[in-house]
Amino acid sequence: MNGRRTRTLVIALLVVLAGAVPAVGAAAATAGPAHAGATGADAAATAGDDAVAASRTTQADCGFPYSATDATGTDVTIEERPERITTLNPSAAQTMWEIGGEDQVVGVSQFALYLEGADSRTNVSASGFGVSVEKVVGTNPDLVLAPNASSRETVQALRDAGVTVFHFSGATTIEDVREKTTLIGRLTGNCEGAAEANAWMDANVETAREATADAEDRRVLYPLGGGYIAGSETFISAMIDTAGGANVAAERDLTGYPQINDEVVLELAPDYLVVTGYSSYLLGEEPYASTPAVQNNNTVRVNRNWMNQPAPRSVVMGVRTLTEGFHPEAAAEADFQTREEAVAAMGTETPTATESQPITDTATETTPETRTTSAGATAASGPGFGVALAVLAVLGSALLARRER
């Protein structure tokens, strides 16, 4: 029993440390999204227009100095294009890779090591929890990108050490991811790559919405372990909705990442469960083993990086996989686009500097688009999680309950 509890707590912490919902910049408002009130298909269409316009701007329009206000209310000014960038959470690293800025990155956290070539960068993670301020300073960065999972204490310590840091706020929608991508592109001098990444993301989001528009929404739950779930008003829930699902947590007004008891799970009675390699063991345990989802073999397995890191590739791969799991026939008929196709539709060629770089996963979840029908799946052990992490696992539960990541 104690072993099961320990494993559950570790799973909860892994969600936090993997950057479960790290963040979108509050300063994106400074960029002035032209269609902030648009939603659904309208938002995708107008966002596509914005992406085309952004891609057609010259790199001179992405010049420096540039100033924006971050989540701490600090006005951050970047005098020239940063050549040395350190990312404190994997969502920021994934975004840098996707917008063609991976050559600028000199430091990453341990949970970004699945990115191709990331193992040649400095691992700035602390031995137990979070990042090491000393290691970050040691990368001699021109700019540090700190998604919301980074504590304000860490951000302030870095600033006290003379480091330029931009701290992002929480992401709850796909539109937030679009704004964050645009902002990171602007902060790092990769505006064109950001516009292309957004065009790819928007094209696939719209495809999923169109493919499932006439289908009945699947009642879905995404358990995280330790009794925690992904509630409504989260990035994860937004992807579920886009793929033709309906997060059953919304039926109880469960927002954020609440902890619920077994009785509530059984009362919600989800028809579909979404799991990753690190949470699939839940399918063989109560209360989930008694849900209609498991009894009818309706479980969808998604790579945890795509589900837990708000960035363009996460949205594309996550939404595709969920659509295939919830509505396989509709997904088979859908015309999901490659990045190259989306960029071509913008009327531009993909410049070498902003080509989409391969992203691989060195963990056991090497195939993100996998639908499982096995109720007896067991948890996979992930790389890089030592004894010190297990000792600090209890912190994960508190963090999950405290805030969006």
Protein backbone atom coordinates (compact mmCIF):
# COMPACT_ATOMS: atom_id res chain seq x y z
CA MET A 1 0.00 0.00 0.00
CA ASN A 2 2.84 2.37 0.86
CA GLY A 3 4.52 1.53 -2.46
CA ARG A 4 1.37 2.39 -4.37
CA ARG A 5 1.03 5.69 -2.52
CA THR A 6 4.66 6.58 -3.25
CA ARG A 7 4.20 5.79 -6.93
CA THR A 8 1.06 7.91 -7.05
CA LEU A 9 2.85 10.88 -5.52
CA VAL A 10 5.74 10.51 -7.96
CA ILE A 11 3.28 10.58 -10.87
CA ALA A 12 1.74 13.76 -9.51
CA LEU A 13 5.13 15.41 -9.28
CA LEU A 14 6.16 14.30 -12.75
CA VAL A 15 3.18 16.17 -14.16
CA VAL A 16 4.40 19.32 -12.46
CA LEU A 17 8.05 18.92 -13.38
CA ALA A 18 7.28 18.06 -16.99
CA GLY A 19 5.82 21.57 -17.26
CA ALA A 20 2.24 20.40 -17.13
CA VAL A 21 0.85 23.74 -18.05
CA PRO A 22 3.69 26.19 -18.20
CA ALA A 23 2.71 29.31 -19.39
CA VAL A 24 1.82 32.09 -21.60
CA GLY A 25 3.17 35.58 -21.29
CA ALA A 26 0.95 38.20 -19.81
CA ALA A 27 2.99 40.53 -21.95
CA ALA A 28 1.39 39.05 -25.03
CA ALA A 29 -1.23 41.72 -24.45
CA THR A 30 1.44 44.24 -25.36
CA ALA A 31 1.59 42.68 -28.78
CA GLY A 32 -2.12 43.39 -29.05
CA PRO A 33 -3.86 40.29 -30.42
CA ALA A 34 -6.09 41.70 -33.14
CA HIS A 35 -8.90 39.24 -32.57
CA ALA A 36 -8.89 38.62 -28.84
CA GLY A 37 -12.62 38.01 -28.73
CA ALA A 38 -12.77 35.43 -31.52
CA THR A 39 -13.38 31.80 -30.68
CA GLY A 40 -13.62 28.43 -32.47
CA ALA A 41 -13.51 28.45 -36.26
CA ASP A 42 -13.57 32.25 -36.38
CA ALA A 43 -10.50 32.41 -34.13
CA ALA A 44 -8.66 29.88 -36.28
CA ALA A 45 -9.51 31.76 -39.46
CA THR A 46 -8.53 35.16 -38.13
CA ALA A 47 -5.42 33.71 -36.52
CA GLY A 48 -4.50 32.24 -39.89
CA ASP A 49 -4.81 35.68 -41.46
CA ASP A 50 -2.59 37.08 -38.71
CA ALA A 51 -0.04 34.32 -39.32
CA VAL A 52 0.11 35.14 -43.03
CA ALA A 53 0.61 38.82 -42.28
CA ALA A 54 3.27 38.06 -39.69
CA SER A 55 5.16 35.76 -42.03
CA ARG A 56 5.25 38.42 -44.71
CA THR A 57 6.88 40.97 -42.45
CA THR A 58 10.62 41.32 -42.81
CA GLN A 59 13.04 40.32 -40.08
CA ALA A 60 13.73 44.02 -39.71
CA ASP A 61 10.25 44.34 -38.23
CA CYS A 62 11.39 41.84 -35.61
CA GLY A 63 14.22 44.09 -34.56
CA PHE A 64 15.68 45.28 -31.31
CA PRO A 65 15.62 46.82 -28.80
CA TYR A 66 12.30 45.35 -27.79
CA SER A 67 10.38 45.78 -24.52
CA ALA A 68 7.47 43.88 -23.01
CA THR A 69 5.93 43.44 -19.58
CA ASP A 70 6.10 39.95 -18.08
CA ALA A 71 3.92 38.11 -15.56
CA THR A 72 5.69 39.72 -12.61
CA GLY A 73 4.79 43.17 -13.92
CA THR A 74 8.42 43.82 -14.83
CA ASP A 75 9.22 45.74 -18.00
CA VAL A 76 11.82 43.60 -19.74
CA THR A 77 13.95 45.27 -22.42
CA ILE A 78 16.12 43.26 -24.78
CA GLU A 79 18.67 45.48 -26.46
CA GLU A 80 19.74 43.10 -29.24
CA ARG A 81 18.87 39.67 -30.57
CA PRO A 82 19.78 37.20 -27.80
CA GLU A 83 22.35 34.66 -28.94
CA ARG A 84 22.42 32.66 -25.69
CA ILE A 85 19.04 31.60 -24.30
CA THR A 86 18.30 29.33 -21.36
CA THR A 87 14.85 27.78 -20.89
CA LEU A 88 13.67 26.76 -17.43
CA ASN A 89 10.81 24.48 -18.52
CA PRO A 90 10.25 22.16 -21.48
CA SER A 91 7.38 24.10 -23.03
CA ALA A 92 9.67 27.05 -23.71
CA ALA A 93 12.39 24.75 -25.04
CA GLN A 94 9.94 22.95 -27.31
CA THR A 95 8.75 26.30 -28.65
CA MET A 96 12.33 27.42 -29.35
CA TRP A 97 12.97 24.23 -31.30
CA GLU A 98 9.76 24.67 -33.27
CA ILE A 99 10.33 28.29 -34.27
CA GLY A 100 13.87 27.60 -35.49
CA GLY A 101 15.67 29.05 -32.46
CA GLU A 102 17.23 25.87 -31.09
CA ASP A 103 20.75 27.03 -32.02
CA GLN A 104 20.33 29.95 -29.61
CA VAL A 105 19.49 27.67 -26.68
CA VAL A 106 22.41 26.95 -24.35
CA GLY A 107 20.54 25.61 -21.31
CA VAL A 108 17.47 23.40 -20.76
CA SER A 109 15.77 21.58 -17.91
CA GLN A 110 16.00 17.81 -17.62
CA PHE A 111 12.47 17.32 -18.92
CA ALA A 112 13.39 18.96 -22.23
CA LEU A 113 16.06 16.36 -23.00
CA TYR A 114 13.71 14.53 -25.36
CA LEU A 115 14.30 17.32 -27.90
CA GLU A 116 16.79 16.34 -30.56
CA GLY A 117 20.22 17.71 -29.66
CA ALA A 118 19.09 18.98 -26.25
CA ASP A 119 21.54 16.65 -24.52
CA SER A 120 24.36 18.82 -25.84
CA ARG A 121 23.02 21.81 -23.89
CA THR A 122 23.65 22.47 -20.21
CA ASN A 123 21.13 20.73 -17.96
CA VAL A 124 20.16 23.46 -15.49
CA SER A 125 17.89 21.31 -13.31
CA ALA A 126 18.63 21.13 -9.61
CA SER A 127 19.51 17.75 -8.12
CA GLY A 128 16.13 17.50 -6.42
CA PHE A 129 13.48 19.95 -7.55
CA GLY A 130 13.28 22.89 -9.94
CA VAL A 131 16.33 24.51 -11.51
CA SER A 132 19.70 25.51 -10.11
CA VAL A 133 20.19 29.27 -10.12
CA GLU A 134 23.94 28.68 -10.14
CA LYS A 135 23.72 26.44 -13.23
CA VAL A 136 21.49 28.92 -15.05
CA VAL A 137 23.87 31.80 -14.32
CA GLY A 138 26.73 29.56 -15.45
CA THR A 139 25.25 29.33 -18.96
CA ASN A 140 25.94 33.07 -19.32
CA PRO A 141 22.54 33.67 -20.94
CA ASP A 142 21.48 36.81 -22.76
CA LEU A 143 17.88 35.86 -21.94
CA VAL A 144 16.14 33.30 -19.72
CA LEU A 145 12.65 32.12 -20.69
CA ALA A 146 10.78 31.15 -17.53
CA PRO A 147 7.32 29.60 -17.99
CA ASN A 148 4.84 29.79 -15.14
CA ALA A 149 6.07 26.64 -13.39
CA SER A 150 9.20 28.59 -12.54
CA SER A 151 8.78 30.17 -9.12
CA ARG A 152 8.94 33.91 -8.69
CA GLU A 153 11.66 33.32 -6.11
CA THR A 154 13.81 31.68 -8.78
CA VAL A 155 13.09 34.49 -11.22
CA GLN A 156 14.05 37.11 -8.64
CA ALA A 157 17.23 35.26 -7.68
CA LEU A 158 18.29 35.21 -11.32
CA ARG A 159 17.54 38.90 -11.70
CA ASP A 160 19.53 39.64 -8.55
CA ALA A 161 22.41 37.84 -10.24
CA GLY A 162 22.17 40.22 -13.19
CA VAL A 163 20.34 37.87 -15.59
CA THR A 164 17.58 39.08 -17.94
CA VAL A 165 14.49 36.93 -17.32
CA PHE A 166 11.07 36.92 -18.94
CA HIS A 167 8.46 35.19 -16.76
CA PHE A 168 5.30 33.94 -18.46
CA SER A 169 1.83 33.55 -16.98
CA GLY A 170 -0.48 30.53 -17.17
CA ALA A 171 -1.92 29.08 -20.38
CA THR A 172 -5.49 27.78 -20.40
CA THR A 173 -6.36 27.84 -24.11
CA ILE A 174 -4.87 27.06 -27.49
CA GLU A 175 -5.16 30.77 -28.25
CA ASP A 176 -2.81 31.33 -25.29
CA VAL A 177 -0.29 28.98 -26.90
CA ARG A 178 -0.51 30.95 -30.14
CA GLU A 179 0.14 34.21 -28.29
CA LYS A 180 2.99 32.69 -26.30
CA THR A 181 4.61 31.38 -29.48
CA THR A 182 4.35 34.79 -31.12
CA LEU A 183 5.81 36.45 -28.03
CA ILE A 184 8.74 34.04 -27.76
CA GLY A 185 9.42 34.61 -31.44
CA ARG A 186 9.46 38.35 -30.87
CA LEU A 187 11.65 38.14 -27.76
CA THR A 188 14.20 35.94 -29.49
CA GLY A 189 14.17 37.37 -33.00
CA ASN A 190 12.36 34.42 -34.59
CA CYS A 191 9.13 36.08 -35.69
CA GLU A 192 8.91 34.33 -39.03
CA GLY A 193 9.43 30.90 -37.49
CA ALA A 194 6.79 31.65 -34.87
CA ALA A 195 4.28 32.67 -37.54
CA GLU A 196 4.93 29.46 -39.46
CA ALA A 197 4.62 27.30 -36.34
CA ASN A 198 1.34 28.99 -35.51
CA ALA A 199 0.05 28.49 -39.06
CA TRP A 200 0.80 24.75 -38.75
CA MET A 201 -0.90 24.58 -35.38
CA ASP A 202 -3.95 26.56 -36.50
CA ALA A 203 -4.40 24.46 -39.64
CA ASN A 204 -4.51 21.25 -37.63
CA VAL A 205 -6.75 22.68 -34.93
CA GLU A 206 -9.23 23.81 -37.57
CA THR A 207 -9.06 20.40 -39.27
CA ALA A 208 -9.89 18.65 -36.00
CA ARG A 209 -12.77 21.02 -35.30
CA GLU A 210 -14.23 20.55 -38.76
CA ALA A 211 -13.81 16.77 -38.66
CA THR A 212 -15.68 16.45 -35.37
CA ALA A 213 -18.22 19.24 -35.82
CA ASP A 214 -21.13 16.86 -36.47
CA ALA A 215 -19.98 14.11 -34.12
CA GLU A 216 -21.27 13.58 -30.62
CA ASP A 217 -18.79 14.77 -28.03
CA ARG A 218 -17.11 11.99 -26.06
CA ARG A 219 -17.31 12.34 -22.28
CA VAL A 220 -13.66 12.35 -21.26
CA LEU A 221 -11.53 12.43 -18.11
CA TYR A 222 -7.75 12.87 -17.86
CA PRO A 223 -6.46 11.50 -14.53
CA LEU A 224 -3.03 12.59 -13.34
CA GLY A 225 -2.51 10.24 -10.39
CA GLY A 226 -2.84 10.87 -6.68
CA GLY A 227 -6.54 11.64 -7.12
CA TYR A 228 -5.77 14.67 -9.27
CA ILE A 229 -7.40 15.30 -12.64
CA ALA A 230 -7.18 17.91 -15.36
CA GLY A 231 -10.26 20.06 -14.89
CA SER A 232 -11.87 22.59 -17.18
CA GLU A 233 -10.27 25.95 -17.95
CA THR A 234 -6.94 24.24 -18.64
CA PHE A 235 -4.80 23.80 -21.72
CA ILE A 236 -5.39 20.05 -21.54
CA SER A 237 -9.15 20.50 -21.47
CA ALA A 238 -8.92 22.85 -24.46
CA MET A 239 -7.20 20.14 -26.50
CA ILE A 240 -9.85 17.60 -25.47
CA ASP A 241 -12.60 20.00 -26.57
CA THR A 242 -10.88 20.67 -29.90
CA ALA A 243 -10.68 16.94 -30.61
CA GLY A 244 -14.41 16.39 -30.15
CA GLY A 245 -14.38 15.53 -26.48
CA ALA A 246 -16.09 17.03 -23.45
CA ASN A 247 -14.21 17.12 -20.17
CA VAL A 248 -16.60 15.62 -17.62
CA ALA A 249 -14.90 17.69 -14.91
CA ALA A 250 -16.86 20.65 -16.26
CA GLU A 251 -20.09 18.92 -15.20
CA ARG A 252 -19.04 19.52 -11.60
CA ASP A 253 -17.42 22.90 -12.21
CA LEU A 254 -14.04 21.36 -11.45
CA THR A 255 -11.47 23.80 -12.82
CA GLY A 256 -7.70 23.75 -12.80
CA TYR A 257 -6.16 20.60 -11.35
CA PRO A 258 -8.35 19.50 -8.44
CA GLN A 259 -8.05 16.40 -6.32
CA ILE A 260 -11.23 14.30 -6.25
CA ASN A 261 -12.21 11.13 -4.43
CA ASP A 262 -13.12 7.75 -5.89
CA GLU A 263 -16.82 8.34 -5.46
CA VAL A 264 -16.75 11.44 -7.66
CA VAL A 265 -14.85 9.57 -10.37
CA LEU A 266 -17.51 6.86 -10.40
CA GLU A 267 -20.31 9.42 -10.43
CA LEU A 268 -18.72 11.25 -13.36
CA ALA A 269 -18.56 7.88 -15.18
CA PRO A 270 -16.37 9.00 -18.10
CA ASP A 271 -16.85 7.14 -21.36
CA TYR A 272 -13.24 7.78 -22.36
CA LEU A 273 -10.02 8.07 -20.34
CA VAL A 274 -6.88 9.77 -21.59
CA VAL A 275 -3.63 8.43 -20.16
CA THR A 276 0.11 8.62 -20.76
CA GLY A 277 2.82 6.04 -20.19
CA TYR A 278 3.21 7.41 -16.68
CA SER A 279 -0.44 7.19 -15.71
CA SER A 280 -1.65 4.13 -17.64
CA TYR A 281 -1.33 1.98 -14.50
CA LEU A 282 -4.49 3.72 -13.26
CA LEU A 283 -6.55 1.75 -15.78
CA GLY A 284 -6.06 -1.41 -13.75
CA GLU A 285 -6.86 0.19 -10.41
CA GLU A 286 -10.01 1.46 -8.75
CA PRO A 287 -11.92 3.62 -9.25
CA TYR A 288 -10.88 3.87 -12.91
CA ALA A 289 -11.11 0.14 -13.58
CA SER A 290 -14.86 0.39 -12.91
CA THR A 291 -15.54 3.32 -15.24
CA PRO A 292 -17.39 2.83 -18.54
CA ALA A 293 -14.19 3.94 -20.30
CA VAL A 294 -12.13 0.99 -19.11
CA GLN A 295 -14.98 -1.51 -19.21
CA ASN A 296 -15.58 -0.64 -22.87
CA ASN A 297 -11.87 -0.39 -23.75
CA ASN A 298 -12.19 3.29 -24.59
CA THR A 299 -8.84 4.62 -23.44
CA VAL A 300 -6.58 6.89 -25.44
CA ARG A 301 -2.86 6.97 -24.75
CA VAL A 302 -1.01 10.17 -25.61
CA ASN A 303 2.64 11.05 -25.25
CA ARG A 304 2.93 12.99 -22.00
CA ASN A 305 5.06 15.71 -23.63
CA TRP A 306 2.25 16.56 -26.05
CA MET A 307 -0.42 16.58 -23.33
CA ASN A 308 1.54 18.47 -20.72
CA GLN A 309 3.59 21.12 -22.52
CA PRO A 310 1.69 23.99 -24.15
CA ALA A 311 3.62 24.59 -27.36
CA PRO A 312 2.79 24.31 -31.09
CA ARG A 313 3.91 20.72 -31.68
CA SER A 314 2.13 19.62 -28.50
CA VAL A 315 -1.12 21.03 -29.85
CA VAL A 316 -0.70 19.44 -33.29
CA MET A 317 0.29 16.00 -32.03
CA GLY A 318 -2.01 16.05 -29.00
CA VAL A 319 -5.10 17.13 -30.92
CA ARG A 320 -4.44 14.65 -33.73
CA THR A 321 -4.01 11.74 -31.33
CA LEU A 322 -7.08 12.65 -29.29
CA THR A 323 -9.19 13.06 -32.44
CA GLU A 324 -8.08 9.64 -33.66
CA GLY A 325 -8.92 8.15 -30.28
CA PHE A 326 -12.33 9.79 -29.82
CA HIS A 327 -13.52 9.77 -33.46
CA PRO A 328 -11.35 7.37 -35.50
CA GLU A 329 -13.60 7.39 -38.58
CA ALA A 330 -13.77 11.17 -38.74
CA ALA A 331 -10.03 11.41 -38.15
CA ALA A 332 -9.35 9.00 -41.00
CA GLU A 333 -11.15 11.36 -43.36
CA ALA A 334 -9.52 14.50 -41.97
CA ASP A 335 -6.81 16.30 -43.89
CA PHE A 336 -4.28 17.00 -41.16
CA GLN A 337 -1.42 19.07 -42.55
CA THR A 338 2.31 18.72 -42.27
CA ARG A 339 4.21 21.85 -41.35
CA GLU A 340 5.51 22.10 -44.89
CA GLU A 341 1.96 22.02 -46.27
CA ALA A 342 0.78 24.66 -43.81
CA VAL A 343 3.68 26.94 -44.65
CA ALA A 344 3.12 26.44 -48.39
CA ALA A 345 -0.51 27.46 -47.88
CA MET A 346 0.78 30.73 -46.43
CA GLY A 347 2.43 31.44 -49.75
CA THR A 348 5.96 31.27 -48.35
CA GLU A 349 8.80 28.82 -48.43
CA THR A 350 10.19 27.55 -45.16
CA PRO A 351 13.54 29.29 -44.62
CA THR A 352 16.37 27.06 -43.46
CA ALA A 353 16.65 29.01 -40.22
CA THR A 354 13.07 28.28 -39.26
CA GLU A 355 12.57 24.72 -40.42
CA SER A 356 10.71 22.48 -38.02
CA GLN A 357 13.35 20.41 -36.27
CA PRO A 358 12.69 16.75 -35.42
CA ILE A 359 11.55 16.21 -31.88
CA THR A 360 12.14 12.79 -30.42
CA ASP A 361 11.23 11.31 -27.08
CA THR A 362 13.86 9.26 -25.32
CA ALA A 363 11.35 7.96 -22.79
CA THR A 364 9.28 4.83 -23.28
CA GLU A 365 6.57 6.79 -25.09
CA THR A 366 8.24 6.92 -28.47
CA THR A 367 4.98 6.85 -30.42
CA PRO A 368 2.60 9.61 -29.37
CA GLU A 369 -0.23 8.54 -31.64
CA THR A 370 -1.17 5.28 -29.90
CA ARG A 371 -4.64 4.22 -28.87
CA THR A 372 -4.62 1.53 -26.22
CA THR A 373 -7.41 -0.91 -25.49
CA SER A 374 -5.74 -2.68 -22.61
CA ALA A 375 -7.27 -2.13 -19.21
CA GLY A 376 -4.32 -3.80 -17.50
CA ALA A 377 -1.57 -1.41 -18.60
CA THR A 378 1.12 -0.65 -16.08
CA ALA A 379 3.12 2.48 -15.47
CA ALA A 380 6.32 2.93 -17.41
CA SER A 381 9.41 4.06 -15.60
CA GLY A 382 10.78 7.29 -16.99
CA PRO A 383 14.43 8.27 -17.31
CA GLY A 384 16.17 10.72 -15.06
CA PHE A 385 14.02 10.41 -11.94
CA GLY A 386 16.28 9.60 -8.98
CA VAL A 387 15.87 9.02 -5.28
CA ALA A 388 16.00 12.72 -4.51
CA LEU A 389 12.98 13.28 -6.74
CA ALA A 390 11.01 10.56 -4.95
CA VAL A 391 11.82 12.14 -1.59
CA LEU A 392 10.43 15.45 -2.82
CA ALA A 393 7.43 13.87 -4.54
CA VAL A 394 5.00 15.05 -1.89
CA LEU A 395 5.66 18.60 -3.09
CA GLY A 396 4.01 17.68 -6.34
CA SER A 397 0.61 17.27 -4.74
CA ALA A 398 0.80 20.68 -3.14
CA LEU A 399 1.91 22.32 -6.37
CA LEU A 400 -0.81 20.69 -8.40
CA ALA A 401 -3.44 21.98 -6.02
CA ARG A 402 -1.87 25.40 -5.69
CA ARG A 403 -1.80 26.76 -9.20
CA GLU A 404 -1.67 26.21 -12.90
CA ARG A 405 1.76 25.35 -14.08
